[in-house]
Amino acid sequence: MKIEEGLLFSAGDGTLCSDWLDYWYETTEREAIFSEEIQKALLDHANKILEPYGESIHQQQHHDQVDSQEVCAGKKQAN
């Protein structure tokens, strides 16, 4: 069982999948590669889902950040 950025990866002992996970977590270098590639794959997949709506994860993160800044600014003005 491995935890990566809040995701839990697990496989039954002695399975090909558990051997694969063990390989990628065997060294810090491999773990860094695995982490980077998993994150890229998830972002790419999320962007494909959002594409028909004219959005991307990066755009959505920017909108969320701007929205939270506006909310904070509004709270300061209200005080």
Protein backbone atom coordinates (compact mmCIF):
# COMPACT_ATOMS: atom_id res chain seq x y z
CA MET A 1 0.00 0.00 0.00
CA LYS A 2 1.38 3.42 -1.02
CA ILE A 3 -0.01 6.90 -0.52
CA GLU A 4 0.72 9.53 -3.17
CA GLU A 5 -0.57 13.10 -2.85
CA GLY A 6 -3.65 11.92 -0.98
CA LEU A 7 -4.22 8.93 -3.28
CA LEU A 8 -3.93 5.39 -1.94
CA PHE A 9 -2.34 2.80 -4.19
CA SER A 10 -2.60 -0.80 -3.05
CA ALA A 11 -2.37 -4.26 -4.51
CA GLY A 12 -2.51 -7.80 -3.20
CA ASP A 13 0.81 -9.26 -2.04
CA GLY A 14 2.70 -11.16 -4.71
CA THR A 15 0.76 -9.66 -7.60
CA LEU A 16 2.26 -8.00 -10.65
CA CYS A 17 0.74 -4.70 -9.50
CA SER A 18 2.31 -4.92 -6.03
CA ASP A 19 5.67 -5.71 -7.65
CA TRP A 20 5.22 -2.67 -9.89
CA LEU A 21 4.42 -0.39 -6.92
CA ASP A 22 7.36 -1.79 -4.97
CA TYR A 23 9.65 -1.04 -7.92
CA TRP A 24 8.56 2.61 -8.17
CA TYR A 25 8.83 3.18 -4.41
CA GLU A 26 12.17 1.38 -4.06
CA THR A 27 14.26 4.58 -4.37
CA THR A 28 13.54 8.28 -3.87
CA GLU A 29 14.44 8.92 -7.51
CA ARG A 30 11.88 6.42 -8.80
CA GLU A 31 9.30 7.70 -6.33
CA ALA A 32 9.81 11.26 -7.65
CA ILE A 33 9.38 10.06 -11.24
CA PHE A 34 6.24 8.11 -10.31
CA SER A 35 4.78 11.08 -8.43
CA GLU A 36 5.43 13.51 -11.28
CA GLU A 37 4.03 11.17 -13.93
CA ILE A 38 0.91 10.27 -11.92
CA GLN A 39 0.16 13.95 -11.38
CA LYS A 40 0.66 14.72 -15.08
CA ALA A 41 -1.60 11.83 -16.08
CA LEU A 42 -4.36 12.95 -13.69
CA LEU A 43 -4.17 16.58 -14.85
CA ASP A 44 -4.21 15.52 -18.51
CA HIS A 45 -7.26 13.34 -17.88
CA ALA A 46 -9.06 16.11 -15.97
CA ASN A 47 -8.28 18.57 -18.77
CA LYS A 48 -9.78 16.18 -21.34
CA ILE A 49 -12.95 16.05 -19.26
CA LEU A 50 -13.13 19.84 -18.97
CA GLU A 51 -12.15 20.54 -22.59
CA PRO A 52 -15.71 20.42 -23.99
CA TYR A 53 -16.62 23.17 -21.50
CA GLY A 54 -13.78 25.45 -22.62
CA GLU A 55 -11.93 25.11 -19.32
CA SER A 56 -8.76 23.50 -18.09
CA ILE A 57 -7.52 22.63 -14.62
CA HIS A 58 -5.03 25.50 -14.80
CA GLN A 59 -7.79 27.96 -15.76
CA GLN A 60 -10.07 26.61 -13.03
CA GLN A 61 -7.32 26.90 -10.41
CA HIS A 62 -6.77 30.52 -11.48
CA HIS A 63 -10.52 31.27 -11.26
CA ASP A 64 -10.69 29.66 -7.80
CA GLN A 65 -7.70 31.71 -6.65
CA VAL A 66 -9.20 34.97 -7.97
CA ASP A 67 -12.58 34.14 -6.41
CA SER A 68 -11.01 33.53 -3.01
CA GLN A 69 -9.04 36.78 -3.26
CA GLU A 70 -12.22 38.67 -4.10
CA VAL A 71 -14.02 37.09 -1.16
CA CYS A 72 -11.18 38.04 1.19
CA ALA A 73 -11.11 41.58 -0.20
CA GLY A 74 -14.87 41.84 0.28
CA LYS A 75 -14.56 40.77 3.91
CA LYS A 76 -11.91 43.42 4.52
CA GLN A 77 -14.12 46.11 2.97
CA ALA A 78 -17.11 44.99 5.04
CA ASN A 79 -15.16 45.49 8.27
